[in-house]
Amino acid sequence: MIASLLAATLLAAAPAGPLSVVKSGNADVQKAANAPGATVDSLATVVEKFVDFEELAKRALGDKTWTSLTPPQRKEFTETMTGLLRASYAQKAIGQAKAEVKYVKEDVQGNEGTVHTILTLKKDNIPIEYRLYRPDAKKEWRIYDVITDEVSLVDTYKGQFRKLLTDKGFDGLLTTLKSKRAQLEKENAGKSAKGGAN
């Protein structure tokens, strides 16, 4: 009796696995997107609970460049990327608000996890992989990459960053990202989720 109670307590305290995180995240996004008066900003706040934008930004920039930055540069880069990614991710989520999601399988290796899904939007079946990470076994799993039709969000940004770093250096990259963020946030300002889905 005591052993079963202890086991139940430990299970209840254990962080949810990658599949549970993706399922509950998708459910929260669909609920937020279909709520009356929903906006891109309100949706972005929901997305932020399960997507680790800082980890995504760090991986996209690459370890070598990341470690060469000063703490203030890292902070500014992360804040800029988080703003850009929040707006971008929320826009995509709005477009997929009415989609059906089939959960295929979950792979876990240490502190890295992958959840394979198939998104059905109208008559299209789109394979989507969510990549998740946790700092250690006691921490929660969070999404840091989304792969749609074998195209990785992290890899896409990594390619863009590499070119901008070569052409303009870190300051030029940051200026470009700030400009993109401002443009996207301006487009999203006041836009309702219902209007954005059309």
C-alpha atoms as a PDB file:
ATOM      1  CA  MET A   1       0.000   0.000   0.000  1.00  0.00           C
ATOM      2  CA  ILE A   2       2.697   2.481   1.026  1.00  0.00           C
ATOM      3  CA  ALA A   3       4.825   1.398  -1.948  1.00  0.00           C
ATOM      4  CA  SER A   4       1.984   2.001  -4.430  1.00  0.00           C
ATOM      5  CA  LEU A   5       1.219   5.398  -2.864  1.00  0.00           C
ATOM      6  CA  LEU A   6       4.886   6.332  -3.103  1.00  0.00           C
ATOM      7  CA  ALA A   7       5.028   5.213  -6.743  1.00  0.00           C
ATOM      8  CA  ALA A   8       1.894   7.252  -7.544  1.00  0.00           C
ATOM      9  CA  THR A   9       3.387  10.322  -5.829  1.00  0.00           C
ATOM     10  CA  LEU A  10       6.644   9.970  -7.769  1.00  0.00           C
ATOM     11  CA  LEU A  11       4.775   9.589 -11.054  1.00  0.00           C
ATOM     12  CA  ALA A  12       2.663  12.641 -10.313  1.00  0.00           C
ATOM     13  CA  ALA A  13       5.799  14.669  -9.537  1.00  0.00           C
ATOM     14  CA  ALA A  14       7.699  13.501 -12.631  1.00  0.00           C
ATOM     15  CA  PRO A  15       7.766  16.007 -15.514  1.00  0.00           C
ATOM     16  CA  ALA A  16       5.578  15.106 -18.508  1.00  0.00           C
ATOM     17  CA  GLY A  17       7.287  13.271 -21.385  1.00  0.00           C
ATOM     18  CA  PRO A  18       7.874  14.814 -24.840  1.00  0.00           C
ATOM     19  CA  LEU A  19       4.654  13.365 -26.314  1.00  0.00           C
ATOM     20  CA  SER A  20       2.528  14.771 -23.466  1.00  0.00           C
ATOM     21  CA  VAL A  21       4.179  18.191 -23.825  1.00  0.00           C
ATOM     22  CA  VAL A  22       3.482  18.335 -27.583  1.00  0.00           C
ATOM     23  CA  LYS A  23      -0.104  17.056 -27.165  1.00  0.00           C
ATOM     24  CA  SER A  24      -1.006  19.519 -24.417  1.00  0.00           C
ATOM     25  CA  GLY A  25       0.827  22.319 -26.249  1.00  0.00           C
ATOM     26  CA  ASN A  26      -1.126  21.707 -29.467  1.00  0.00           C
ATOM     27  CA  ALA A  27      -4.404  21.494 -27.519  1.00  0.00           C
ATOM     28  CA  ASP A  28      -3.665  24.819 -25.761  1.00  0.00           C
ATOM     29  CA  VAL A  29      -2.757  26.492 -29.080  1.00  0.00           C
ATOM     30  CA  GLN A  30      -5.950  25.286 -30.805  1.00  0.00           C
ATOM     31  CA  LYS A  31      -8.028  26.432 -27.825  1.00  0.00           C
ATOM     32  CA  ALA A  32      -6.328  29.861 -27.803  1.00  0.00           C
ATOM     33  CA  ALA A  33      -6.572  30.260 -31.597  1.00  0.00           C
ATOM     34  CA  ASN A  34     -10.294  29.513 -31.593  1.00  0.00           C
ATOM     35  CA  ALA A  35     -11.099  31.682 -28.553  1.00  0.00           C
ATOM     36  CA  PRO A  36     -13.213  34.823 -29.138  1.00  0.00           C
ATOM     37  CA  GLY A  37     -11.015  37.888 -29.611  1.00  0.00           C
ATOM     38  CA  ALA A  38      -7.832  35.830 -29.925  1.00  0.00           C
ATOM     39  CA  THR A  39      -4.807  37.686 -31.299  1.00  0.00           C
ATOM     40  CA  VAL A  40      -1.343  36.677 -32.493  1.00  0.00           C
ATOM     41  CA  ASP A  41       0.031  38.141 -29.258  1.00  0.00           C
ATOM     42  CA  SER A  42      -2.310  36.138 -27.009  1.00  0.00           C
ATOM     43  CA  LEU A  43      -1.421  33.013 -28.960  1.00  0.00           C
ATOM     44  CA  ALA A  44       2.307  33.742 -28.677  1.00  0.00           C
ATOM     45  CA  THR A  45       1.955  33.869 -24.878  1.00  0.00           C
ATOM     46  CA  VAL A  46       0.495  30.336 -24.937  1.00  0.00           C
ATOM     47  CA  VAL A  47       3.228  29.071 -27.290  1.00  0.00           C
ATOM     48  CA  GLU A  48       5.932  30.467 -24.995  1.00  0.00           C
ATOM     49  CA  LYS A  49       4.908  28.055 -22.229  1.00  0.00           C
ATOM     50  CA  PHE A  50       6.170  24.994 -24.123  1.00  0.00           C
ATOM     51  CA  VAL A  51       8.626  26.331 -26.741  1.00  0.00           C
ATOM     52  CA  ASP A  52      12.157  27.195 -25.601  1.00  0.00           C
ATOM     53  CA  PHE A  53      12.950  30.143 -27.862  1.00  0.00           C
ATOM     54  CA  GLU A  54      16.292  30.754 -26.129  1.00  0.00           C
ATOM     55  CA  GLU A  55      17.472  27.204 -26.872  1.00  0.00           C
ATOM     56  CA  LEU A  56      16.292  27.536 -30.478  1.00  0.00           C
ATOM     57  CA  ALA A  57      18.170  30.842 -30.866  1.00  0.00           C
ATOM     58  CA  LYS A  58      21.336  29.392 -29.299  1.00  0.00           C
ATOM     59  CA  ARG A  59      21.352  26.303 -31.525  1.00  0.00           C
ATOM     60  CA  ALA A  60      20.604  28.336 -34.645  1.00  0.00           C
ATOM     61  CA  LEU A  61      23.514  30.675 -33.928  1.00  0.00           C
ATOM     62  CA  GLY A  62      25.889  27.754 -33.279  1.00  0.00           C
ATOM     63  CA  ASP A  63      28.111  26.978 -30.276  1.00  0.00           C
ATOM     64  CA  LYS A  64      31.210  28.669 -31.693  1.00  0.00           C
ATOM     65  CA  THR A  65      29.514  32.033 -32.271  1.00  0.00           C
ATOM     66  CA  TRP A  66      27.449  31.788 -29.062  1.00  0.00           C
ATOM     67  CA  THR A  67      30.498  31.222 -26.841  1.00  0.00           C
ATOM     68  CA  SER A  68      32.327  34.149 -28.501  1.00  0.00           C
ATOM     69  CA  LEU A  69      29.589  36.623 -27.475  1.00  0.00           C
ATOM     70  CA  THR A  70      29.612  38.701 -24.298  1.00  0.00           C
ATOM     71  CA  PRO A  71      26.732  38.156 -21.803  1.00  0.00           C
ATOM     72  CA  PRO A  72      25.031  41.467 -22.895  1.00  0.00           C
ATOM     73  CA  GLN A  73      25.292  40.395 -26.569  1.00  0.00           C
ATOM     74  CA  ARG A  74      23.764  36.988 -25.769  1.00  0.00           C
ATOM     75  CA  LYS A  75      20.929  38.669 -23.865  1.00  0.00           C
ATOM     76  CA  GLU A  76      20.184  41.120 -26.692  1.00  0.00           C
ATOM     77  CA  PHE A  77      20.350  38.393 -29.345  1.00  0.00           C
ATOM     78  CA  THR A  78      18.079  36.063 -27.342  1.00  0.00           C
ATOM     79  CA  GLU A  79      15.512  38.810 -26.673  1.00  0.00           C
ATOM     80  CA  THR A  80      15.464  39.833 -30.357  1.00  0.00           C
ATOM     81  CA  MET A  81      15.165  36.232 -31.576  1.00  0.00           C
ATOM     82  CA  THR A  82      12.494  35.424 -28.989  1.00  0.00           C
ATOM     83  CA  GLY A  83      10.374  38.356 -30.199  1.00  0.00           C
ATOM     84  CA  LEU A  84      10.841  37.309 -33.834  1.00  0.00           C
ATOM     85  CA  LEU A  85      10.155  33.623 -33.167  1.00  0.00           C
ATOM     86  CA  ARG A  86       7.117  34.279 -30.958  1.00  0.00           C
ATOM     87  CA  ALA A  87       5.470  36.293 -33.736  1.00  0.00           C
ATOM     88  CA  SER A  88       6.478  33.847 -36.479  1.00  0.00           C
ATOM     89  CA  TYR A  89       5.498  30.691 -34.551  1.00  0.00           C
ATOM     90  CA  ALA A  90       2.147  32.192 -33.530  1.00  0.00           C
ATOM     91  CA  GLN A  91       1.371  33.104 -37.155  1.00  0.00           C
ATOM     92  CA  LYS A  92       2.026  29.479 -38.202  1.00  0.00           C
ATOM     93  CA  ALA A  93      -0.067  28.172 -35.307  1.00  0.00           C
ATOM     94  CA  ILE A  94      -2.991  30.347 -36.413  1.00  0.00           C
ATOM     95  CA  GLY A  95      -2.797  28.860 -39.909  1.00  0.00           C
ATOM     96  CA  GLN A  96      -2.960  25.373 -38.393  1.00  0.00           C
ATOM     97  CA  ALA A  97      -5.674  26.096 -35.814  1.00  0.00           C
ATOM     98  CA  LYS A  98      -8.276  23.915 -37.568  1.00  0.00           C
ATOM     99  CA  ALA A  99      -5.865  21.099 -38.405  1.00  0.00           C
ATOM    100  CA  GLU A 100      -6.132  17.540 -37.139  1.00  0.00           C
ATOM    101  CA  VAL A 101      -3.002  16.095 -35.558  1.00  0.00           C
ATOM    102  CA  LYS A 102      -2.133  12.398 -35.504  1.00  0.00           C
ATOM    103  CA  TYR A 103       0.581  11.443 -33.019  1.00  0.00           C
ATOM    104  CA  VAL A 104       2.742   8.724 -34.551  1.00  0.00           C
ATOM    105  CA  LYS A 105       5.577   8.027 -32.104  1.00  0.00           C
ATOM    106  CA  GLU A 106       7.950   9.409 -29.497  1.00  0.00           C
ATOM    107  CA  ASP A 107      11.719   8.859 -29.419  1.00  0.00           C
ATOM    108  CA  VAL A 108      13.770   9.713 -26.321  1.00  0.00           C
ATOM    109  CA  GLN A 109      17.542   9.558 -26.040  1.00  0.00           C
ATOM    110  CA  GLY A 110      18.855  10.985 -22.791  1.00  0.00           C
ATOM    111  CA  ASN A 111      17.759  14.615 -22.578  1.00  0.00           C
ATOM    112  CA  GLU A 112      16.800  14.896 -26.258  1.00  0.00           C
ATOM    113  CA  GLY A 113      13.388  13.827 -27.522  1.00  0.00           C
ATOM    114  CA  THR A 114      11.503  13.732 -30.838  1.00  0.00           C
ATOM    115  CA  VAL A 115       7.754  13.504 -31.364  1.00  0.00           C
ATOM    116  CA  HIS A 116       6.580  12.450 -34.838  1.00  0.00           C
ATOM    117  CA  THR A 117       3.176  13.720 -35.948  1.00  0.00           C
ATOM    118  CA  ILE A 118       1.085  14.041 -39.106  1.00  0.00           C
ATOM    119  CA  LEU A 119      -0.897  17.238 -39.556  1.00  0.00           C
ATOM    120  CA  THR A 120      -3.996  17.019 -41.738  1.00  0.00           C
ATOM    121  CA  LEU A 121      -4.997  20.419 -43.081  1.00  0.00           C
ATOM    122  CA  LYS A 122      -7.852  20.325 -45.615  1.00  0.00           C
ATOM    123  CA  LYS A 123      -6.682  17.394 -47.798  1.00  0.00           C
ATOM    124  CA  ASP A 124      -2.953  17.696 -47.147  1.00  0.00           C
ATOM    125  CA  ASN A 125      -1.072  15.358 -44.818  1.00  0.00           C
ATOM    126  CA  ILE A 126       2.049  17.125 -43.531  1.00  0.00           C
ATOM    127  CA  PRO A 127       4.664  15.218 -41.497  1.00  0.00           C
ATOM    128  CA  ILE A 128       5.865  17.367 -38.585  1.00  0.00           C
ATOM    129  CA  GLU A 129       8.574  16.462 -36.088  1.00  0.00           C
ATOM    130  CA  TYR A 130       8.951  18.293 -32.802  1.00  0.00           C
ATOM    131  CA  ARG A 131      12.393  18.211 -31.214  1.00  0.00           C
ATOM    132  CA  LEU A 132      12.533  18.693 -27.480  1.00  0.00           C
ATOM    133  CA  TYR A 133      15.245  19.187 -24.890  1.00  0.00           C
ATOM    134  CA  ARG A 134      15.570  19.289 -21.116  1.00  0.00           C
ATOM    135  CA  PRO A 135      18.637  20.416 -19.117  1.00  0.00           C
ATOM    136  CA  ASP A 136      18.318  17.347 -16.840  1.00  0.00           C
ATOM    137  CA  ALA A 137      15.855  14.619 -15.830  1.00  0.00           C
ATOM    138  CA  LYS A 138      14.157  16.822 -13.224  1.00  0.00           C
ATOM    139  CA  LYS A 139      13.390  19.651 -15.637  1.00  0.00           C
ATOM    140  CA  GLU A 140      10.457  19.937 -18.032  1.00  0.00           C
ATOM    141  CA  TRP A 141      10.731  19.037 -21.717  1.00  0.00           C
ATOM    142  CA  ARG A 142      10.452  22.026 -24.063  1.00  0.00           C
ATOM    143  CA  ILE A 143      10.329  22.265 -27.857  1.00  0.00           C
ATOM    144  CA  TYR A 144      13.346  23.875 -29.525  1.00  0.00           C
ATOM    145  CA  ASP A 145      12.900  22.815 -33.164  1.00  0.00           C
ATOM    146  CA  VAL A 146      10.058  22.009 -35.551  1.00  0.00           C
ATOM    147  CA  ILE A 147      10.733  20.038 -38.737  1.00  0.00           C
ATOM    148  CA  THR A 148       8.058  20.383 -41.426  1.00  0.00           C
ATOM    149  CA  ASP A 149       8.408  18.232 -44.559  1.00  0.00           C
ATOM    150  CA  GLU A 150      12.022  17.478 -43.513  1.00  0.00           C
ATOM    151  CA  VAL A 151      12.872  21.199 -43.242  1.00  0.00           C
ATOM    152  CA  SER A 152      14.228  22.152 -39.806  1.00  0.00           C
ATOM    153  CA  LEU A 153      13.487  25.589 -38.323  1.00  0.00           C
ATOM    154  CA  VAL A 154      16.859  25.606 -36.525  1.00  0.00           C
ATOM    155  CA  ASP A 155      18.769  24.588 -39.680  1.00  0.00           C
ATOM    156  CA  THR A 156      16.934  27.202 -41.764  1.00  0.00           C
ATOM    157  CA  TYR A 157      17.889  29.975 -39.351  1.00  0.00           C
ATOM    158  CA  LYS A 158      21.419  28.573 -39.031  1.00  0.00           C
ATOM    159  CA  GLY A 159      21.941  28.891 -42.800  1.00  0.00           C
ATOM    160  CA  GLN A 160      20.608  32.468 -42.813  1.00  0.00           C
ATOM    161  CA  PHE A 161      22.717  33.441 -39.796  1.00  0.00           C
ATOM    162  CA  ARG A 162      25.889  31.983 -41.282  1.00  0.00           C
ATOM    163  CA  LYS A 163      25.501  34.110 -44.421  1.00  0.00           C
ATOM    164  CA  LEU A 164      24.652  37.290 -42.477  1.00  0.00           C
ATOM    165  CA  LEU A 165      27.558  36.756 -40.058  1.00  0.00           C
ATOM    166  CA  THR A 166      29.945  36.371 -43.016  1.00  0.00           C
ATOM    167  CA  ASP A 167      28.564  39.409 -44.862  1.00  0.00           C
ATOM    168  CA  LYS A 168      27.782  41.806 -41.997  1.00  0.00           C
ATOM    169  CA  GLY A 169      29.249  40.419 -38.763  1.00  0.00           C
ATOM    170  CA  PHE A 170      27.294  39.960 -35.524  1.00  0.00           C
ATOM    171  CA  ASP A 171      26.119  43.589 -35.269  1.00  0.00           C
ATOM    172  CA  GLY A 172      24.774  43.444 -38.824  1.00  0.00           C
ATOM    173  CA  LEU A 173      22.971  40.173 -38.066  1.00  0.00           C
ATOM    174  CA  LEU A 174      21.380  41.681 -34.957  1.00  0.00           C
ATOM    175  CA  THR A 175      20.248  44.802 -36.849  1.00  0.00           C
ATOM    176  CA  THR A 176      18.664  42.643 -39.578  1.00  0.00           C
ATOM    177  CA  LEU A 177      16.822  40.510 -36.994  1.00  0.00           C
ATOM    178  CA  LYS A 178      15.559  43.580 -35.139  1.00  0.00           C
ATOM    179  CA  SER A 179      14.208  44.976 -38.391  1.00  0.00           C
ATOM    180  CA  LYS A 180      12.458  41.668 -39.245  1.00  0.00           C
ATOM    181  CA  ARG A 181      11.002  41.459 -35.753  1.00  0.00           C
ATOM    182  CA  ALA A 182       9.624  45.017 -35.931  1.00  0.00           C
ATOM    183  CA  GLN A 183       8.077  44.325 -39.352  1.00  0.00           C
ATOM    184  CA  LEU A 184       6.435  41.073 -38.204  1.00  0.00           C
ATOM    185  CA  GLU A 185       5.122  42.600 -34.979  1.00  0.00           C
ATOM    186  CA  LYS A 186       3.685  45.534 -36.964  1.00  0.00           C
ATOM    187  CA  GLU A 187       1.893  43.083 -39.298  1.00  0.00           C
ATOM    188  CA  ASN A 188       0.540  41.166 -36.320  1.00  0.00           C
ATOM    189  CA  ALA A 189      -0.537  44.187 -34.278  1.00  0.00           C
ATOM    190  CA  GLY A 190      -4.254  44.014 -33.677  1.00  0.00           C
ATOM    191  CA  LYS A 191      -4.648  41.112 -36.102  1.00  0.00           C
ATOM    192  CA  SER A 192      -7.135  38.588 -34.745  1.00  0.00           C
ATOM    193  CA  ALA A 193      -6.501  34.873 -34.906  1.00  0.00           C
ATOM    194  CA  LYS A 194      -9.763  34.429 -36.809  1.00  0.00           C
ATOM    195  CA  GLY A 195      -8.749  37.026 -39.386  1.00  0.00           C
ATOM    196  CA  GLY A 196      -5.224  35.613 -39.662  1.00  0.00           C
ATOM    197  CA  ALA A 197      -6.502  32.140 -40.472  1.00  0.00           C
ATOM    198  CA  ASN A 198      -8.184  33.243 -43.699  1.00  0.00           C
END
